[in-house]
Amino acid sequence: DRIDRSAGVVDLGEPVCTVIERPGVREFLAQLSTFAEVCVFTAGMEGYARPLLDAIDPAGDATHHRLYRQACVKTPIRDHVKDISRLGRDLSATVIVDNNPFSFLLQPHNGIPIVSFAGDPGDDGLMRQLLPVLQRLGETVARGEDVRPFCRRQFKIEPFFRRYFSQQGIEFDPPSEPW
């Protein structure tokens, strides 16, 4: 496997695809890893995602764990849902950041939605928007407090799911609030 970083091209011995790295992703992960355990959980296939993650974090210093599509679960509503309860971590101190809110269907109160990266070289969403939120949540955890009430109030994922599923004629039964 080869990665030409200057062109952003990945050659996996199959058709070649171009990948554009989100601006600030390396600095973001480096800073995040100083106060959080970073698990990259992607719905991407391992053969595609591993070389990209290796290019972003070659020494593995910033990403502590990596999970790929095979770690996702299938629900009656959606495939490729990321069930973070399977990580064996305290959910009061765990968040999931994803551009697809259905990724955190099973733990909506732990979800932090982000805007998809569209290739804009001026994108500063990771460093200017997401990192400050995660730093605040890191401080919340350090005080022994639960991250879920903040995520629930700030991101309103549960009402999003209620509206979406209501339009589909499906009842949404979110997990109970343990806090």
N, C-alpha and C. Protein backbone atom coordinates (compact mmCIF):
# COMPACT_ATOMS: atom_id res chain seq x y z
N ASP A 1 0.84 -1.19 0.00
CA ASP A 1 0.00 0.00 0.00
C ASP A 1 0.88 1.24 0.00
N ARG A 2 0.50 2.23 -0.79
CA ARG A 2 1.26 3.47 -0.86
C ARG A 2 0.33 4.65 -0.65
N ILE A 3 0.88 5.66 -0.06
CA ILE A 3 0.14 6.92 0.05
C ILE A 3 1.06 8.04 -0.39
N ASP A 4 0.64 8.74 -1.41
CA ASP A 4 1.36 9.91 -1.89
C ASP A 4 0.71 11.11 -1.22
N ARG A 5 1.33 11.59 -0.14
CA ARG A 5 0.72 12.66 0.66
C ARG A 5 0.60 13.96 -0.11
N SER A 6 1.53 14.22 -1.02
CA SER A 6 1.46 15.49 -1.74
C SER A 6 0.23 15.56 -2.62
N ALA A 7 -0.13 14.44 -3.21
CA ALA A 7 -1.30 14.43 -4.09
C ALA A 7 -2.54 13.93 -3.38
N GLY A 8 -2.36 13.33 -2.20
CA GLY A 8 -3.50 12.78 -1.50
C GLY A 8 -4.08 11.56 -2.18
N VAL A 9 -3.22 10.76 -2.82
CA VAL A 9 -3.68 9.60 -3.56
C VAL A 9 -3.32 8.33 -2.80
N VAL A 10 -4.28 7.44 -2.70
CA VAL A 10 -4.06 6.16 -2.05
C VAL A 10 -4.11 5.08 -3.11
N ASP A 11 -3.07 4.25 -3.18
CA ASP A 11 -3.04 3.14 -4.13
C ASP A 11 -3.12 1.86 -3.34
N LEU A 12 -4.24 1.17 -3.43
CA LEU A 12 -4.43 -0.08 -2.71
C LEU A 12 -4.33 -1.28 -3.65
N GLY A 13 -3.72 -1.08 -4.81
CA GLY A 13 -3.60 -2.15 -5.77
C GLY A 13 -4.88 -2.34 -6.57
N GLU A 14 -5.82 -1.47 -6.38
CA GLU A 14 -7.09 -1.48 -7.09
C GLU A 14 -7.24 -0.11 -7.74
N PRO A 15 -8.43 0.23 -8.17
CA PRO A 15 -8.58 1.60 -8.70
C PRO A 15 -8.13 2.63 -7.67
N VAL A 16 -7.49 3.66 -8.15
CA VAL A 16 -6.93 4.69 -7.28
C VAL A 16 -8.01 5.71 -6.94
N CYS A 17 -8.00 6.14 -5.69
CA CYS A 17 -8.93 7.19 -5.28
C CYS A 17 -8.13 8.33 -4.68
N THR A 18 -8.70 9.51 -4.72
CA THR A 18 -8.07 10.68 -4.14
C THR A 18 -8.71 10.98 -2.80
N VAL A 19 -7.88 11.25 -1.82
CA VAL A 19 -8.35 11.57 -0.48
C VAL A 19 -7.79 12.92 -0.09
N ILE A 20 -8.63 13.79 0.41
CA ILE A 20 -8.19 15.11 0.86
C ILE A 20 -8.30 15.13 2.38
N GLU A 21 -7.17 15.40 3.01
CA GLU A 21 -7.13 15.44 4.47
C GLU A 21 -7.82 16.70 4.99
N ARG A 22 -8.67 16.53 5.97
CA ARG A 22 -9.36 17.68 6.56
C ARG A 22 -8.33 18.58 7.24
N PRO A 23 -8.36 19.88 6.96
CA PRO A 23 -7.38 20.79 7.57
C PRO A 23 -7.41 20.70 9.10
N GLY A 24 -6.22 20.59 9.66
CA GLY A 24 -6.08 20.57 11.11
C GLY A 24 -6.28 19.23 11.77
N VAL A 25 -6.54 18.16 10.99
CA VAL A 25 -6.86 16.87 11.61
C VAL A 25 -5.71 16.34 12.46
N ARG A 26 -4.49 16.51 12.00
CA ARG A 26 -3.34 16.00 12.78
C ARG A 26 -3.17 16.76 14.09
N GLU A 27 -3.23 18.09 14.01
CA GLU A 27 -3.11 18.91 15.22
C GLU A 27 -4.28 18.63 16.17
N PHE A 28 -5.47 18.50 15.60
CA PHE A 28 -6.66 18.21 16.40
C PHE A 28 -6.47 16.91 17.18
N LEU A 29 -6.07 15.85 16.50
CA LEU A 29 -5.88 14.56 17.17
C LEU A 29 -4.76 14.63 18.20
N ALA A 30 -3.68 15.33 17.87
CA ALA A 30 -2.57 15.45 18.81
C ALA A 30 -3.02 16.17 20.08
N GLN A 31 -3.76 17.26 19.93
CA GLN A 31 -4.24 17.99 21.12
C GLN A 31 -5.28 17.18 21.89
N LEU A 32 -6.19 16.55 21.17
CA LEU A 32 -7.23 15.75 21.82
C LEU A 32 -6.63 14.61 22.63
N SER A 33 -5.61 13.99 22.10
CA SER A 33 -5.01 12.83 22.78
C SER A 33 -4.29 13.21 24.07
N THR A 34 -4.08 14.50 24.32
CA THR A 34 -3.43 14.91 25.58
C THR A 34 -4.40 14.86 26.76
N PHE A 35 -5.71 14.84 26.48
CA PHE A 35 -6.67 14.81 27.59
C PHE A 35 -7.78 13.77 27.42
N ALA A 36 -7.73 13.01 26.33
CA ALA A 36 -8.79 12.02 26.09
C ALA A 36 -8.21 10.76 25.47
N GLU A 37 -8.88 9.66 25.70
CA GLU A 37 -8.56 8.42 25.01
C GLU A 37 -9.27 8.50 23.66
N VAL A 38 -8.52 8.46 22.58
CA VAL A 38 -9.08 8.65 21.25
C VAL A 38 -9.24 7.29 20.56
N CYS A 39 -10.48 6.98 20.25
CA CYS A 39 -10.80 5.77 19.50
C CYS A 39 -11.41 6.22 18.18
N VAL A 40 -10.76 5.91 17.08
CA VAL A 40 -11.34 6.20 15.77
C VAL A 40 -12.26 5.04 15.43
N PHE A 41 -13.53 5.34 15.26
CA PHE A 41 -14.55 4.33 14.98
C PHE A 41 -15.18 4.73 13.65
N THR A 42 -14.83 4.02 12.60
CA THR A 42 -15.30 4.37 11.28
C THR A 42 -16.19 3.27 10.71
N ALA A 43 -17.17 3.67 9.93
CA ALA A 43 -18.00 2.71 9.21
C ALA A 43 -17.30 2.28 7.92
N GLY A 44 -16.11 2.81 7.68
CA GLY A 44 -15.33 2.43 6.51
C GLY A 44 -14.73 1.05 6.67
N MET A 45 -14.53 0.40 5.54
CA MET A 45 -13.90 -0.92 5.55
C MET A 45 -12.44 -0.76 5.97
N GLU A 46 -11.94 -1.74 6.70
CA GLU A 46 -10.58 -1.64 7.23
C GLU A 46 -9.54 -1.49 6.13
N GLY A 47 -9.70 -2.20 5.02
CA GLY A 47 -8.73 -2.11 3.94
C GLY A 47 -8.61 -0.72 3.35
N TYR A 48 -9.67 0.05 3.41
CA TYR A 48 -9.67 1.43 2.94
C TYR A 48 -9.20 2.38 4.03
N ALA A 49 -9.74 2.21 5.24
CA ALA A 49 -9.51 3.17 6.31
C ALA A 49 -8.14 3.06 6.97
N ARG A 50 -7.63 1.85 7.11
CA ARG A 50 -6.35 1.68 7.82
C ARG A 50 -5.21 2.49 7.18
N PRO A 51 -5.01 2.42 5.86
CA PRO A 51 -3.91 3.21 5.28
C PRO A 51 -4.09 4.71 5.48
N LEU A 52 -5.32 5.17 5.48
CA LEU A 52 -5.57 6.60 5.71
C LEU A 52 -5.22 6.98 7.14
N LEU A 53 -5.64 6.16 8.09
CA LEU A 53 -5.31 6.44 9.49
C LEU A 53 -3.82 6.32 9.74
N ASP A 54 -3.17 5.37 9.08
CA ASP A 54 -1.72 5.24 9.20
C ASP A 54 -1.02 6.49 8.68
N ALA A 55 -1.56 7.09 7.63
CA ALA A 55 -0.96 8.31 7.08
C ALA A 55 -1.16 9.50 8.00
N ILE A 56 -2.33 9.58 8.63
CA ILE A 56 -2.63 10.70 9.52
C ILE A 56 -1.88 10.58 10.84
N ASP A 57 -1.76 9.36 11.34
CA ASP A 57 -1.13 9.11 12.64
C ASP A 57 -0.19 7.91 12.53
N PRO A 58 0.94 8.08 11.81
CA PRO A 58 1.82 6.94 11.53
C PRO A 58 2.38 6.25 12.76
N ALA A 59 2.67 6.99 13.81
CA ALA A 59 3.24 6.38 15.01
C ALA A 59 2.15 5.84 15.95
N GLY A 60 0.90 6.17 15.67
CA GLY A 60 -0.19 5.73 16.54
C GLY A 60 -0.23 6.46 17.87
N ASP A 61 0.41 7.63 17.93
CA ASP A 61 0.45 8.39 19.18
C ASP A 61 -0.86 9.10 19.50
N ALA A 62 -1.58 9.51 18.47
CA ALA A 62 -2.79 10.32 18.69
C ALA A 62 -4.07 9.48 18.74
N THR A 63 -4.05 8.33 18.11
CA THR A 63 -5.23 7.47 18.12
C THR A 63 -4.89 6.22 18.92
N HIS A 64 -5.62 6.03 20.00
CA HIS A 64 -5.33 4.92 20.90
C HIS A 64 -5.94 3.60 20.44
N HIS A 65 -7.07 3.68 19.75
CA HIS A 65 -7.77 2.49 19.26
C HIS A 65 -8.39 2.81 17.91
N ARG A 66 -8.58 1.77 17.11
CA ARG A 66 -9.23 1.92 15.81
C ARG A 66 -10.26 0.81 15.65
N LEU A 67 -11.44 1.21 15.28
CA LEU A 67 -12.51 0.25 14.99
C LEU A 67 -13.05 0.55 13.60
N TYR A 68 -13.35 -0.51 12.87
CA TYR A 68 -13.78 -0.38 11.49
C TYR A 68 -15.21 -0.92 11.32
N ARG A 69 -15.68 -0.97 10.10
CA ARG A 69 -17.07 -1.35 9.82
C ARG A 69 -17.50 -2.63 10.52
N GLN A 70 -16.62 -3.61 10.62
CA GLN A 70 -17.02 -4.87 11.23
C GLN A 70 -17.37 -4.72 12.70
N ALA A 71 -16.99 -3.62 13.33
CA ALA A 71 -17.33 -3.37 14.74
C ALA A 71 -18.69 -2.66 14.87
N CYS A 72 -19.26 -2.22 13.76
CA CYS A 72 -20.58 -1.59 13.79
C CYS A 72 -21.65 -2.66 13.98
N VAL A 73 -22.82 -2.23 14.39
CA VAL A 73 -23.93 -3.17 14.57
C VAL A 73 -25.05 -2.82 13.60
N LYS A 74 -25.85 -3.82 13.30
CA LYS A 74 -27.02 -3.63 12.45
C LYS A 74 -28.23 -3.52 13.37
N THR A 75 -29.04 -2.51 13.16
CA THR A 75 -30.27 -2.35 13.93
C THR A 75 -31.45 -2.56 12.97
N PRO A 76 -32.65 -2.72 13.49
CA PRO A 76 -33.81 -2.85 12.60
C PRO A 76 -34.02 -1.61 11.73
N ILE A 77 -33.45 -0.50 12.16
CA ILE A 77 -33.66 0.77 11.46
C ILE A 77 -32.51 1.11 10.52
N ARG A 78 -31.29 0.86 10.95
CA ARG A 78 -30.09 1.24 10.18
C ARG A 78 -28.99 0.20 10.32
N ASP A 79 -28.20 0.08 9.28
CA ASP A 79 -26.97 -0.70 9.33
C ASP A 79 -25.83 0.23 9.76
N HIS A 80 -24.72 -0.34 10.15
CA HIS A 80 -23.49 0.40 10.45
C HIS A 80 -23.68 1.44 11.55
N VAL A 81 -24.33 1.04 12.62
CA VAL A 81 -24.51 1.91 13.79
C VAL A 81 -23.35 1.63 14.74
N LYS A 82 -22.81 2.68 15.30
CA LYS A 82 -21.65 2.56 16.20
C LYS A 82 -22.15 2.49 17.65
N ASP A 83 -22.13 1.29 18.20
CA ASP A 83 -22.60 1.07 19.57
C ASP A 83 -21.43 1.24 20.52
N ILE A 84 -21.31 2.44 21.10
CA ILE A 84 -20.16 2.72 21.95
C ILE A 84 -20.24 2.01 23.30
N SER A 85 -21.39 1.43 23.64
CA SER A 85 -21.46 0.66 24.88
C SER A 85 -20.56 -0.57 24.80
N ARG A 86 -20.28 -1.02 23.59
CA ARG A 86 -19.43 -2.19 23.39
C ARG A 86 -17.94 -1.89 23.62
N LEU A 87 -17.60 -0.63 23.81
CA LEU A 87 -16.21 -0.26 24.05
C LEU A 87 -15.77 -0.59 25.47
N GLY A 88 -16.72 -0.84 26.36
CA GLY A 88 -16.38 -1.14 27.74
C GLY A 88 -15.93 0.08 28.53
N ARG A 89 -16.35 1.25 28.10
CA ARG A 89 -15.98 2.49 28.78
C ARG A 89 -17.20 3.06 29.48
N ASP A 90 -16.95 3.90 30.46
CA ASP A 90 -18.01 4.58 31.19
C ASP A 90 -18.70 5.57 30.25
N LEU A 91 -19.97 5.33 29.95
CA LEU A 91 -20.67 6.20 29.01
C LEU A 91 -20.89 7.61 29.54
N SER A 92 -20.77 7.79 30.85
CA SER A 92 -20.90 9.15 31.39
C SER A 92 -19.67 10.00 31.05
N ALA A 93 -18.61 9.34 30.57
CA ALA A 93 -17.37 10.03 30.24
C ALA A 93 -16.96 9.79 28.78
N THR A 94 -17.92 9.37 27.96
CA THR A 94 -17.62 9.00 26.58
C THR A 94 -18.54 9.76 25.62
N VAL A 95 -17.96 10.27 24.54
CA VAL A 95 -18.76 10.90 23.48
C VAL A 95 -18.38 10.26 22.15
N ILE A 96 -19.29 10.37 21.21
CA ILE A 96 -19.04 9.92 19.85
C ILE A 96 -19.27 11.12 18.93
N VAL A 97 -18.28 11.41 18.11
CA VAL A 97 -18.33 12.53 17.17
C VAL A 97 -18.47 11.94 15.78
N ASP A 98 -19.47 12.37 15.04
CA ASP A 98 -19.68 11.80 13.71
C ASP A 98 -20.46 12.78 12.84
N ASN A 99 -20.25 12.70 11.54
CA ASN A 99 -21.00 13.53 10.61
C ASN A 99 -22.35 12.90 10.27
N ASN A 100 -22.58 11.68 10.72
CA ASN A 100 -23.84 10.99 10.49
C ASN A 100 -24.51 10.72 11.83
N PRO A 101 -25.57 11.44 12.18
CA PRO A 101 -26.18 11.25 13.50
C PRO A 101 -26.70 9.83 13.72
N PHE A 102 -26.98 9.09 12.65
CA PHE A 102 -27.45 7.71 12.83
C PHE A 102 -26.34 6.81 13.37
N SER A 103 -25.11 7.28 13.31
CA SER A 103 -24.00 6.51 13.90
C SER A 103 -24.17 6.38 15.40
N PHE A 104 -24.81 7.35 16.03
CA PHE A 104 -25.02 7.26 17.47
C PHE A 104 -26.49 7.06 17.84
N LEU A 105 -27.19 6.34 17.00
CA LEU A 105 -28.59 6.02 17.23
C LEU A 105 -28.81 5.34 18.58
N LEU A 106 -27.89 4.48 19.00
CA LEU A 106 -28.06 3.72 20.24
C LEU A 106 -27.67 4.51 21.48
N GLN A 107 -26.88 5.56 21.33
CA GLN A 107 -26.49 6.42 22.45
C GLN A 107 -26.63 7.88 22.01
N PRO A 108 -27.86 8.35 21.76
CA PRO A 108 -28.03 9.71 21.25
C PRO A 108 -27.55 10.79 22.21
N HIS A 109 -27.55 10.50 23.50
CA HIS A 109 -27.12 11.51 24.48
C HIS A 109 -25.60 11.63 24.57
N ASN A 110 -24.89 10.75 23.88
CA ASN A 110 -23.43 10.81 23.84
C ASN A 110 -22.94 11.40 22.52
N GLY A 111 -23.85 11.73 21.62
CA GLY A 111 -23.47 12.13 20.28
C GLY A 111 -23.18 13.60 20.11
N ILE A 112 -22.14 13.85 19.32
CA ILE A 112 -21.78 15.21 18.92
C ILE A 112 -21.73 15.21 17.39
N PRO A 113 -22.72 15.83 16.74
CA PRO A 113 -22.70 15.87 15.28
C PRO A 113 -21.72 16.93 14.76
N ILE A 114 -21.07 16.61 13.66
CA ILE A 114 -20.20 17.58 13.01
C ILE A 114 -20.59 17.67 11.53
N VAL A 115 -20.23 18.76 10.92
CA VAL A 115 -20.49 18.96 9.51
C VAL A 115 -19.50 18.11 8.71
N SER A 116 -20.00 17.49 7.65
CA SER A 116 -19.13 16.71 6.78
C SER A 116 -18.07 17.60 6.15
N PHE A 117 -16.91 17.03 5.92
CA PHE A 117 -15.84 17.76 5.25
C PHE A 117 -16.08 17.67 3.75
N ALA A 118 -16.13 18.83 3.09
CA ALA A 118 -16.42 18.89 1.66
C ALA A 118 -15.22 19.29 0.82
N GLY A 119 -14.02 19.21 1.40
CA GLY A 119 -12.82 19.52 0.64
C GLY A 119 -12.37 20.96 0.72
N ASP A 120 -13.02 21.78 1.50
CA ASP A 120 -12.67 23.20 1.63
C ASP A 120 -11.34 23.35 2.36
N PRO A 121 -10.31 23.88 1.71
CA PRO A 121 -9.01 24.04 2.38
C PRO A 121 -9.06 25.03 3.54
N GLY A 122 -10.10 25.85 3.62
CA GLY A 122 -10.24 26.79 4.72
C GLY A 122 -11.07 26.25 5.88
N ASP A 123 -11.47 24.99 5.79
CA ASP A 123 -12.28 24.38 6.85
C ASP A 123 -11.52 24.43 8.17
N ASP A 124 -12.15 24.99 9.20
CA ASP A 124 -11.50 25.06 10.51
C ASP A 124 -12.40 24.46 11.60
N GLY A 125 -13.33 23.63 11.18
CA GLY A 125 -14.30 23.06 12.11
C GLY A 125 -13.70 22.25 13.23
N LEU A 126 -12.64 21.52 12.95
CA LEU A 126 -12.04 20.68 14.00
C LEU A 126 -11.42 21.53 15.10
N MET A 127 -10.61 22.49 14.72
CA MET A 127 -9.85 23.26 15.70
C MET A 127 -10.68 24.38 16.35
N ARG A 128 -11.50 25.07 15.58
CA ARG A 128 -12.22 26.24 16.13
C ARG A 128 -13.57 25.90 16.72
N GLN A 129 -14.17 24.81 16.26
CA GLN A 129 -15.51 24.48 16.75
C GLN A 129 -15.51 23.24 17.64
N LEU A 130 -14.96 22.15 17.14
CA LEU A 130 -15.06 20.88 17.87
C LEU A 130 -14.10 20.79 19.04
N LEU A 131 -12.84 21.16 18.86
CA LEU A 131 -11.87 21.02 19.94
C LEU A 131 -12.29 21.76 21.21
N PRO A 132 -12.78 23.00 21.13
CA PRO A 132 -13.21 23.67 22.37
C PRO A 132 -14.34 22.93 23.10
N VAL A 133 -15.26 22.35 22.35
CA VAL A 133 -16.34 21.57 22.97
C VAL A 133 -15.77 20.35 23.68
N LEU A 134 -14.85 19.66 23.03
CA LEU A 134 -14.26 18.47 23.63
C LEU A 134 -13.39 18.82 24.83
N GLN A 135 -12.71 19.96 24.77
CA GLN A 135 -11.94 20.40 25.94
C GLN A 135 -12.87 20.67 27.12
N ARG A 136 -13.99 21.31 26.85
CA ARG A 136 -14.97 21.57 27.91
C ARG A 136 -15.48 20.26 28.50
N LEU A 137 -15.77 19.30 27.64
CA LEU A 137 -16.25 18.01 28.13
C LEU A 137 -15.16 17.26 28.89
N GLY A 138 -13.90 17.43 28.47
CA GLY A 138 -12.79 16.85 29.23
C GLY A 138 -12.74 17.41 30.64
N GLU A 139 -12.99 18.69 30.77
CA GLU A 139 -13.03 19.32 32.10
C GLU A 139 -14.23 18.80 32.90
N THR A 140 -15.34 18.57 32.23
CA THR A 140 -16.53 18.01 32.87
C THR A 140 -16.21 16.65 33.46
N VAL A 141 -15.56 15.82 32.68
CA VAL A 141 -15.19 14.48 33.14
C VAL A 141 -14.19 14.57 34.29
N ALA A 142 -13.24 15.48 34.19
CA ALA A 142 -12.23 15.64 35.25
C ALA A 142 -12.89 16.02 36.58
N ARG A 143 -14.03 16.70 36.52
CA ARG A 143 -14.77 17.06 37.74
C ARG A 143 -15.67 15.92 38.21
N GLY A 144 -15.66 14.82 37.48
CA GLY A 144 -16.49 13.67 37.85
C GLY A 144 -17.94 13.81 37.42
N GLU A 145 -18.20 14.70 36.49
CA GLU A 145 -19.57 14.94 36.03
C GLU A 145 -19.85 14.18 34.73
N ASP A 146 -21.11 13.98 34.45
CA ASP A 146 -21.59 13.24 33.29
C ASP A 146 -21.63 14.16 32.07
N VAL A 147 -21.15 13.68 30.92
CA VAL A 147 -21.14 14.47 29.68
C VAL A 147 -22.50 14.51 28.99
N ARG A 148 -23.36 13.54 29.30
CA ARG A 148 -24.61 13.39 28.54
C ARG A 148 -25.61 14.54 28.71
N PRO A 149 -25.79 15.09 29.89
CA PRO A 149 -26.72 16.23 29.96
C PRO A 149 -26.30 17.40 29.06
N PHE A 150 -25.00 17.68 29.01
CA PHE A 150 -24.51 18.75 28.14
C PHE A 150 -24.79 18.41 26.68
N CYS A 151 -24.43 17.20 26.27
CA CYS A 151 -24.64 16.80 24.87
C CYS A 151 -26.13 16.84 24.51
N ARG A 152 -26.95 16.39 25.42
CA ARG A 152 -28.39 16.38 25.16
C ARG A 152 -28.91 17.80 24.95
N ARG A 153 -28.54 18.71 25.82
CA ARG A 153 -28.99 20.11 25.71
C ARG A 153 -28.40 20.80 24.48
N GLN A 154 -27.12 20.61 24.27
CA GLN A 154 -26.41 21.35 23.23
C GLN A 154 -26.76 20.88 21.82
N PHE A 155 -26.87 19.56 21.62
CA PHE A 155 -26.96 19.03 20.26
C PHE A 155 -28.35 18.53 19.88
N LYS A 156 -29.22 18.30 20.86
CA LYS A 156 -30.63 17.98 20.60
C LYS A 156 -30.81 16.84 19.59
N ILE A 157 -30.06 15.78 19.79
CA ILE A 157 -30.14 14.63 18.89
C ILE A 157 -31.46 13.89 19.06
N GLU A 158 -31.92 13.76 20.30
CA GLU A 158 -33.17 13.03 20.54
C GLU A 158 -34.35 13.66 19.78
N PRO A 159 -34.55 14.98 19.84
CA PRO A 159 -35.65 15.57 19.04
C PRO A 159 -35.47 15.35 17.53
N PHE A 160 -34.22 15.38 17.07
CA PHE A 160 -33.96 15.10 15.65
C PHE A 160 -34.47 13.71 15.28
N PHE A 161 -34.11 12.71 16.12
CA PHE A 161 -34.56 11.34 15.85
C PHE A 161 -36.08 11.23 15.94
N ARG A 162 -36.67 11.87 16.94
CA ARG A 162 -38.14 11.82 17.08
C ARG A 162 -38.82 12.35 15.82
N ARG A 163 -38.36 13.50 15.32
CA ARG A 163 -38.94 14.08 14.09
C ARG A 163 -38.74 13.15 12.90
N TYR A 164 -37.51 12.68 12.74
CA TYR A 164 -37.20 11.82 11.59
C TYR A 164 -38.06 10.56 11.61
N PHE A 165 -38.08 9.87 12.75
CA PHE A 165 -38.81 8.60 12.82
C PHE A 165 -40.32 8.82 12.76
N SER A 166 -40.80 9.92 13.28
CA SER A 166 -42.22 10.25 13.17
C SER A 166 -42.61 10.38 11.70
N GLN A 167 -41.76 11.03 10.92
CA GLN A 167 -42.02 11.18 9.49
C GLN A 167 -42.01 9.83 8.77
N GLN A 168 -41.27 8.87 9.33
CA GLN A 168 -41.18 7.54 8.74
C GLN A 168 -42.25 6.60 9.29
N GLY A 169 -43.04 7.09 10.27
CA GLY A 169 -44.06 6.25 10.89
C GLY A 169 -43.49 5.24 11.87
N ILE A 170 -42.31 5.54 12.43
CA ILE A 170 -41.63 4.65 13.36
C ILE A 170 -41.56 5.35 14.71
N GLU A 171 -41.86 4.60 15.78
CA GLU A 171 -41.76 5.18 17.12
C GLU A 171 -40.31 5.11 17.57
N PHE A 172 -39.82 6.22 18.08
CA PHE A 172 -38.44 6.28 18.59
C PHE A 172 -38.48 6.21 20.10
N ASP A 173 -37.82 5.22 20.66
CA ASP A 173 -37.77 5.03 22.11
C ASP A 173 -36.32 5.20 22.55
N PRO A 174 -35.93 6.43 22.92
CA PRO A 174 -34.53 6.66 23.30
C PRO A 174 -34.20 5.97 24.62
N PRO A 175 -32.92 5.75 24.86
CA PRO A 175 -32.52 5.16 26.13
C PRO A 175 -32.91 6.07 27.29
N SER A 176 -33.14 5.44 28.44
CA SER A 176 -33.50 6.24 29.61
C SER A 176 -32.31 7.10 30.03
N GLU A 177 -32.60 8.12 30.77
CA GLU A 177 -31.56 9.03 31.24
C GLU A 177 -31.02 8.53 32.57
N PRO A 178 -29.83 7.98 32.60
CA PRO A 178 -29.30 7.42 33.84
C PRO A 178 -28.73 8.45 34.80
N TRP A 179 -28.69 9.69 34.41
CA TRP A 179 -28.07 10.69 35.27
C TRP A 179 -29.10 11.34 36.11
